[in-house]
Amino acid sequence: MKRYLPVLILPLLGPCLPAEIVQDDFNEGNDAGWERYSPLASFGAPVEFSFPEGSSYRVQAPASPNPGALGPARGGSYRPDVVYEAFRVEADLLDWDNDITQDIGVLGSLGSVGLATTNGYAFSYDTGGGGLFISSVSGEAATTLGSQTITLVPGRGYRLVFQGFFAPEDFYGQLVGEVFALDDLETPLAVVFGTDFTYTSGTCGVFTSTANDTGTTDATFDNYFSSSATDVDRDGMVDQWEVDNLGDVFWYDDEDFDEDGQTNLEEFLGGSDPADPNSLSGSLAIGPLDVGVTNGELVVGFSAQAGYSYELETSSDLQGWSPAAGPALIRENGAGTFVMPVAGQEQLYLRVVGSRE
């Protein structure tokens, strides 16, 4: 019998990923593949895009020449080459001018991008003390769907994670935004939820927008990532898998849909059919995993039980799994540790598989 430890998402820099995944660390000092959004450029107020130290992405919008007619200063970039029906978009917020009252964030389900026409969803941080917001954007006008009060510390560095999954035929759309400190990407500092299904497909990107008619914007992003694999209810199971196998995303990981003695999460991790009581994965979700990068090496720690051998497996889509290339296993005092080089790795999902000896 095999035992599966919970899956963790591990973002690592590496080669290009499948078409539905977009990743950019801006280490080449350019924004190739991006479409810059500078709506007031033709009115004499172009947005400035730069690459501090050649490894991040800075967006600075000058003051609007006519806030009453054209709206406030704003700007950003998006990836027109990939359209998602469900989206997960991430970006690190490295720095911003905290003396400017501005909204800074990421965008999903973007469509009709242009002056007074942009539609979609935004997850943003308001530097003026408002905290985090999920908004529906129609013709560039934002309507709040959810919010959470939090104050971010300039210079500390944070990761914004925004997800949206839609089932308009069932009259629901779920949105969730999370913010993490870069020194702890496992525990969110705040979580915001929203519900809407107006915009069910589109592209993703990053943006800044001043909250002051005469204001400017200035924010620096890094480590952009987007994908169609979502988990809006944060239960460890991919939303589309839940819909395909359980009918919707509102089942919990510890429930047993087919009453066969295995939880939904165990069947998801083990690859069995959660709606068929005769389909058993032989899996048991145990954990947690402790993942980190030290001296250029990936270190995965877990509780190792006597009588089991263990293998580290990776996946790019949570569907197909394969053994990791060349990890070294260290076992000591009931603890197991896999160690492998980080260089050349992609963004991966990880799991540890234990087999009875």
Protein backbone atom coordinates (compact mmCIF):
# COMPACT_ATOMS: atom_id res chain seq x y z
CA MET A 1 0.00 0.00 0.00
CA LYS A 2 1.18 3.51 -0.82
CA ARG A 3 0.75 6.54 1.42
CA TYR A 4 0.67 10.04 -0.08
CA LEU A 5 1.78 13.09 1.87
CA PRO A 6 -0.08 16.31 1.00
CA VAL A 7 0.78 18.14 -2.18
CA LEU A 8 2.61 21.46 -1.91
CA ILE A 9 3.05 24.05 -4.67
CA LEU A 10 6.71 25.00 -5.00
CA PRO A 11 7.57 27.94 -7.26
CA LEU A 12 11.05 27.47 -8.73
CA LEU A 13 12.69 29.34 -11.58
CA GLY A 14 13.42 27.31 -14.66
CA PRO A 15 12.58 26.61 -18.29
CA CYS A 16 9.32 27.44 -20.05
CA LEU A 17 6.22 25.63 -18.85
CA PRO A 18 3.16 24.41 -20.78
CA ALA A 19 1.16 27.04 -22.68
CA GLU A 20 -1.49 27.50 -19.98
CA ILE A 21 1.17 28.62 -17.49
CA VAL A 22 2.93 31.99 -17.74
CA GLN A 23 5.96 32.78 -15.62
CA ASP A 24 8.26 35.81 -15.66
CA ASP A 25 10.95 36.82 -13.17
CA PHE A 26 12.08 39.78 -15.37
CA ASN A 27 15.70 38.67 -14.98
CA GLU A 28 16.31 39.41 -18.65
CA GLY A 29 15.56 43.08 -18.04
CA ASN A 30 12.57 43.31 -20.37
CA ASP A 31 8.83 42.63 -20.56
CA ALA A 32 8.74 40.63 -23.79
CA GLY A 33 5.33 38.98 -24.19
CA TRP A 34 3.57 41.66 -22.15
CA GLU A 35 1.14 44.26 -23.44
CA ARG A 36 1.72 47.55 -21.66
CA TYR A 37 -1.34 49.47 -20.55
CA SER A 38 -0.77 53.23 -20.64
CA PRO A 39 -4.26 54.67 -21.20
CA LEU A 40 -3.30 58.33 -20.95
CA ALA A 41 -0.19 58.21 -23.16
CA SER A 42 -1.93 59.90 -26.08
CA PHE A 43 -2.87 62.75 -23.72
CA GLY A 44 0.74 63.43 -22.73
CA ALA A 45 0.93 61.21 -19.64
CA PRO A 46 2.67 57.94 -20.62
CA VAL A 47 3.35 55.28 -17.98
CA GLU A 48 7.03 54.52 -17.35
CA PHE A 49 8.05 50.85 -17.28
CA SER A 50 11.53 49.98 -15.97
CA PHE A 51 13.53 47.03 -14.63
CA PRO A 52 15.39 47.86 -11.40
CA GLU A 53 18.71 46.00 -11.35
CA GLY A 54 17.44 44.05 -14.36
CA SER A 55 15.41 41.67 -12.22
CA SER A 56 12.04 43.24 -11.36
CA TYR A 57 9.27 45.28 -12.99
CA ARG A 58 8.52 48.87 -11.96
CA VAL A 59 5.34 50.67 -13.06
CA GLN A 60 5.13 54.47 -12.60
CA ALA A 61 2.16 56.47 -13.85
CA PRO A 62 2.35 60.30 -13.92
CA ALA A 63 -0.50 62.51 -12.81
CA SER A 64 -3.56 62.57 -15.04
CA PRO A 65 -3.73 65.71 -17.22
CA ASN A 66 -7.50 65.83 -16.79
CA PRO A 67 -8.86 63.63 -13.97
CA GLY A 68 -12.44 64.74 -14.53
CA ALA A 69 -12.51 63.64 -18.16
CA LEU A 70 -9.83 60.96 -18.28
CA GLY A 71 -9.80 59.54 -14.76
CA PRO A 72 -6.85 59.33 -12.35
CA ALA A 73 -3.30 58.13 -13.03
CA ARG A 74 -3.09 54.39 -13.71
CA GLY A 75 -1.13 51.84 -15.65
CA GLY A 76 -0.05 48.24 -15.83
CA SER A 77 0.69 45.28 -18.06
CA TYR A 78 -1.06 42.08 -19.05
CA ARG A 79 -0.37 38.88 -20.98
CA PRO A 80 -2.64 38.83 -24.06
CA ASP A 81 -1.19 35.53 -25.30
CA VAL A 82 -3.02 33.32 -22.74
CA VAL A 83 -6.75 33.40 -22.00
CA TYR A 84 -8.09 31.49 -18.98
CA GLU A 85 -11.60 30.32 -18.11
CA ALA A 86 -10.39 29.90 -14.52
CA PHE A 87 -7.33 31.77 -13.31
CA ARG A 88 -4.65 31.79 -10.66
CA VAL A 89 -2.39 34.84 -10.90
CA GLU A 90 0.50 35.67 -8.56
CA ALA A 91 3.03 38.48 -8.30
CA ASP A 92 5.53 39.57 -5.68
CA LEU A 93 5.11 43.16 -4.53
CA LEU A 94 8.70 44.15 -3.76
CA ASP A 95 8.47 47.88 -3.26
CA TRP A 96 6.14 50.86 -3.56
CA ASP A 97 6.02 54.55 -2.69
CA ASN A 98 4.08 54.51 0.56
CA ASP A 99 3.64 58.30 0.46
CA ILE A 100 1.39 57.88 -2.59
CA THR A 101 -2.20 56.84 -2.01
CA GLN A 102 -2.56 54.13 -4.62
CA ASP A 103 -4.04 50.72 -5.35
CA ILE A 104 -1.52 48.05 -6.37
CA GLY A 105 -2.38 44.55 -7.46
CA VAL A 106 -3.07 41.78 -9.93
CA LEU A 107 -5.83 41.27 -12.49
CA GLY A 108 -7.79 38.29 -13.81
CA SER A 109 -10.46 37.62 -16.48
CA LEU A 110 -9.37 40.77 -18.31
CA GLY A 111 -11.20 41.72 -21.48
CA SER A 112 -11.75 44.75 -23.73
CA VAL A 113 -8.60 46.34 -22.31
CA GLY A 114 -8.52 50.05 -23.10
CA LEU A 115 -9.39 53.54 -21.95
CA ALA A 116 -12.78 53.36 -20.16
CA THR A 117 -13.41 49.84 -21.56
CA THR A 118 -11.39 47.42 -19.40
CA ASN A 119 -13.41 44.63 -17.75
CA GLY A 120 -12.41 41.88 -15.32
CA TYR A 121 -11.44 41.36 -11.68
CA ALA A 122 -8.80 43.00 -9.48
CA PHE A 123 -7.12 42.02 -6.24
CA SER A 124 -5.35 45.03 -4.79
CA TYR A 125 -3.70 46.64 -1.80
CA ASP A 126 -4.72 50.21 -0.90
CA THR A 127 -1.71 52.06 0.55
CA GLY A 128 -4.04 54.66 2.03
CA GLY A 129 -5.04 52.33 4.87
CA GLY A 130 -7.97 50.57 3.26
CA GLY A 131 -6.27 47.18 3.13
CA LEU A 132 -7.02 44.46 0.56
CA PHE A 133 -9.85 44.48 -1.97
CA ILE A 134 -11.38 42.15 -4.53
CA SER A 135 -13.20 44.21 -7.12
CA SER A 136 -15.26 43.71 -10.24
CA VAL A 137 -14.08 46.08 -12.96
CA SER A 138 -16.48 47.31 -15.64
CA GLY A 139 -15.29 49.96 -18.07
CA GLU A 140 -12.39 50.63 -15.66
CA ALA A 141 -14.85 51.39 -12.84
CA ALA A 142 -14.36 49.17 -9.79
CA THR A 143 -17.05 47.71 -7.53
CA THR A 144 -15.90 46.09 -4.26
CA LEU A 145 -16.82 42.41 -3.83
CA GLY A 146 -14.80 41.75 -0.68
CA SER A 147 -12.22 43.42 1.56
CA GLN A 148 -9.92 42.84 4.51
CA THR A 149 -8.10 45.41 6.64
CA ILE A 150 -4.32 44.95 6.75
CA THR A 151 -1.26 47.21 6.68
CA LEU A 152 1.75 46.05 4.65
CA VAL A 153 5.23 47.22 5.60
CA PRO A 154 7.21 48.94 2.80
CA GLY A 155 10.43 47.11 1.95
CA ARG A 156 9.38 43.79 3.47
CA GLY A 157 8.11 42.13 0.29
CA TYR A 158 4.83 40.28 -0.21
CA ARG A 159 3.19 37.84 -2.61
CA LEU A 160 -0.29 38.54 -3.93
CA VAL A 161 -2.24 35.45 -5.02
CA PHE A 162 -5.60 35.84 -6.78
CA GLN A 163 -7.85 33.02 -8.02
CA GLY A 164 -11.17 32.86 -9.83
CA PHE A 165 -13.33 29.87 -10.77
CA PHE A 166 -16.65 30.22 -12.57
CA ALA A 167 -19.69 28.05 -13.27
CA PRO A 168 -22.22 30.51 -14.76
CA GLU A 169 -24.55 27.68 -15.74
CA ASP A 170 -24.91 26.97 -12.00
CA PHE A 171 -25.02 30.68 -11.15
CA TYR A 172 -21.84 30.94 -9.14
CA GLY A 173 -18.36 32.36 -9.42
CA GLN A 174 -15.84 32.16 -6.60
CA LEU A 175 -12.92 34.57 -6.11
CA VAL A 176 -10.23 34.49 -3.44
CA GLY A 177 -7.24 36.74 -2.81
CA GLU A 178 -4.37 36.01 -0.42
CA VAL A 179 -1.31 37.95 0.66
CA PHE A 180 1.83 36.25 1.99
CA ALA A 181 5.06 37.58 3.44
CA LEU A 182 7.89 36.45 1.17
CA ASP A 183 9.63 34.81 4.12
CA ASP A 184 6.55 32.61 4.76
CA LEU A 185 4.70 31.49 1.63
CA GLU A 186 2.72 28.82 3.47
CA THR A 187 0.62 30.94 5.84
CA PRO A 188 -1.38 33.85 4.39
CA LEU A 189 -1.41 37.10 6.33
CA ALA A 190 -4.93 37.80 5.09
CA VAL A 191 -7.56 36.16 2.87
CA VAL A 192 -10.36 37.93 0.98
CA PHE A 193 -13.33 36.23 -0.70
CA GLY A 194 -15.70 37.49 -3.36
CA THR A 195 -18.58 36.12 -5.43
CA ASP A 196 -19.33 37.08 -9.03
CA PHE A 197 -19.55 35.43 -12.46
CA THR A 198 -19.88 38.41 -14.80
CA TYR A 199 -16.49 37.83 -16.47
CA THR A 200 -15.80 34.14 -16.95
CA SER A 201 -12.67 34.26 -19.12
CA GLY A 202 -9.82 36.57 -19.98
CA THR A 203 -6.16 37.36 -19.52
CA CYS A 204 -4.16 38.28 -16.40
CA GLY A 205 -1.74 41.01 -15.41
CA VAL A 206 -0.54 43.61 -12.88
CA PHE A 207 -1.63 47.21 -12.29
CA THR A 208 -1.33 50.42 -10.31
CA SER A 209 -3.95 53.15 -9.89
CA THR A 210 -3.93 56.28 -7.78
CA ALA A 211 -6.78 57.00 -5.40
CA ASN A 212 -6.14 60.75 -5.71
CA ASP A 213 -7.25 62.77 -8.74
CA THR A 214 -3.91 64.61 -8.84
CA GLY A 215 -1.79 61.66 -7.68
CA THR A 216 0.75 59.37 -9.32
CA THR A 217 1.60 55.66 -8.96
CA ASP A 218 4.83 53.78 -8.28
CA ALA A 219 5.15 50.05 -7.54
CA THR A 220 7.64 47.28 -8.30
CA PHE A 221 6.64 43.69 -9.04
CA ASP A 222 8.52 40.41 -9.50
CA ASN A 223 8.03 36.66 -10.01
CA TYR A 224 4.81 36.84 -12.00
CA PHE A 225 2.93 33.56 -12.44
CA SER A 226 -0.44 32.61 -13.90
CA SER A 227 -2.19 29.30 -14.48
CA SER A 228 -5.61 27.76 -15.06
CA ALA A 229 -5.24 25.42 -12.05
CA THR A 230 -7.26 26.92 -9.19
CA ASP A 231 -8.27 26.01 -5.65
CA VAL A 232 -10.62 28.82 -4.63
CA ASP A 233 -11.97 27.01 -1.57
CA ARG A 234 -8.39 26.31 -0.39
CA ASP A 235 -9.05 22.62 0.33
CA GLY A 236 -6.05 21.12 -1.50
CA MET A 237 -8.12 19.86 -4.45
CA VAL A 238 -8.10 21.48 -7.89
CA ASP A 239 -11.48 23.10 -8.60
CA GLN A 240 -12.00 21.60 -12.04
CA TRP A 241 -11.31 18.12 -10.62
CA GLU A 242 -13.96 18.74 -7.96
CA VAL A 243 -16.52 19.85 -10.56
CA ASP A 244 -15.70 16.95 -12.90
CA ASN A 245 -15.83 14.33 -10.15
CA LEU A 246 -18.04 15.76 -7.39
CA GLY A 247 -20.32 18.14 -9.28
CA ASP A 248 -19.16 21.42 -7.71
CA VAL A 249 -16.40 22.96 -5.58
CA PHE A 250 -18.33 22.98 -2.32
CA TRP A 251 -17.18 19.59 -1.03
CA TYR A 252 -14.60 19.50 1.77
CA ASP A 253 -11.31 17.67 1.64
CA ASP A 254 -12.16 15.54 4.70
CA GLU A 255 -15.58 14.46 3.40
CA ASP A 256 -16.13 11.07 1.74
CA PHE A 257 -18.36 11.60 -1.31
CA ASP A 258 -18.76 7.90 -2.24
CA GLU A 259 -18.59 6.63 1.35
CA ASP A 260 -15.81 4.14 0.61
CA GLY A 261 -13.71 5.02 3.65
CA GLN A 262 -11.35 7.39 1.84
CA THR A 263 -11.65 11.14 1.98
CA ASN A 264 -12.08 13.24 -1.14
CA LEU A 265 -8.54 14.60 -0.69
CA GLU A 266 -7.08 11.10 -0.40
CA GLU A 267 -8.78 10.08 -3.63
CA PHE A 268 -7.64 13.29 -5.36
CA LEU A 269 -4.03 12.69 -4.31
CA GLY A 270 -4.17 9.00 -5.13
CA GLY A 271 -5.83 9.37 -8.53
CA SER A 272 -8.91 7.23 -7.83
CA ASP A 273 -12.55 8.02 -8.66
CA PRO A 274 -14.15 9.76 -5.64
CA ALA A 275 -17.64 8.97 -6.97
CA ASP A 276 -17.04 5.20 -7.26
CA PRO A 277 -16.91 3.23 -3.99
CA ASN A 278 -15.10 0.43 -5.84
CA SER A 279 -12.28 2.76 -6.91
CA LEU A 280 -9.69 2.96 -4.14
CA SER A 281 -6.35 4.69 -4.38
CA GLY A 282 -4.76 3.01 -1.39
CA SER A 283 -3.68 6.47 -0.33
CA LEU A 284 -3.71 8.19 3.01
CA ALA A 285 -2.96 11.90 3.27
CA ILE A 286 -0.50 12.51 6.08
CA GLY A 287 1.96 15.27 6.70
CA PRO A 288 2.73 18.07 6.61
CA LEU A 289 5.73 18.61 4.36
CA ASP A 290 8.38 21.15 5.30
CA VAL A 291 9.84 22.71 2.15
CA GLY A 292 12.64 25.22 1.78
CA VAL A 293 15.63 26.21 -0.33
CA THR A 294 19.07 26.24 1.30
CA ASN A 295 22.37 26.94 -0.48
CA GLY A 296 20.83 26.32 -3.89
CA GLU A 297 19.22 23.04 -2.87
CA LEU A 298 15.59 22.11 -2.40
CA VAL A 299 15.01 20.53 1.01
CA VAL A 300 11.78 18.59 1.64
CA GLY A 301 11.24 17.31 5.17
CA PHE A 302 8.56 14.90 6.38
CA SER A 303 7.77 12.34 9.06
CA ALA A 304 9.23 8.99 7.97
CA GLN A 305 7.72 5.86 9.47
CA ALA A 306 9.53 2.61 10.06
CA GLY A 307 8.71 -0.10 7.51
CA TYR A 308 8.18 2.33 4.62
CA SER A 309 10.37 3.41 1.74
CA TYR A 310 9.81 6.87 0.30
CA GLU A 311 9.98 8.59 -3.08
CA LEU A 312 9.66 12.25 -4.05
CA GLU A 313 7.31 12.84 -7.00
CA THR A 314 6.61 16.01 -9.00
CA SER A 315 3.87 17.26 -11.29
CA SER A 316 3.27 20.41 -13.35
CA ASP A 317 -0.52 20.05 -13.41
CA LEU A 318 -1.58 17.78 -10.49
CA GLN A 319 -2.66 15.15 -13.02
CA GLY A 320 0.47 13.28 -14.13
CA TRP A 321 3.12 12.43 -11.54
CA SER A 322 6.71 11.25 -12.04
CA PRO A 323 9.70 10.59 -9.78
CA ALA A 324 11.85 13.65 -9.10
CA ALA A 325 15.25 13.63 -10.79
CA GLY A 326 18.02 12.58 -8.46
CA PRO A 327 16.91 13.56 -4.94
CA ALA A 328 18.96 12.21 -2.04
CA LEU A 329 17.00 10.78 0.90
CA ILE A 330 18.29 11.22 4.45
CA ARG A 331 16.53 9.41 7.33
CA GLU A 332 17.24 10.09 10.97
CA ASN A 333 15.23 9.75 14.21
CA GLY A 334 11.86 9.33 12.50
CA ALA A 335 12.39 12.21 10.09
CA GLY A 336 12.97 12.01 6.36
CA THR A 337 14.58 14.65 4.16
CA PHE A 338 14.87 14.80 0.38
CA VAL A 339 17.61 17.08 -0.98
CA MET A 340 17.99 18.02 -4.64
CA PRO A 341 19.43 20.93 -6.67
CA VAL A 342 17.11 23.83 -7.43
CA ALA A 343 18.85 24.89 -10.65
CA GLY A 344 16.88 24.16 -13.80
CA GLN A 345 13.64 23.28 -12.02
CA GLU A 346 10.19 24.47 -13.08
CA GLN A 347 7.28 25.51 -10.90
CA LEU A 348 6.24 22.17 -9.50
CA TYR A 349 3.73 20.42 -7.32
CA LEU A 350 5.40 18.04 -4.87
CA ARG A 351 4.32 14.96 -2.98
CA VAL A 352 6.12 12.28 -1.04
CA VAL A 353 4.99 8.71 -1.66
CA GLY A 354 5.61 6.01 0.93
CA SER A 355 5.45 2.30 0.09
CA ARG A 356 5.35 -0.48 2.65
CA GLU A 357 8.61 -2.46 2.55
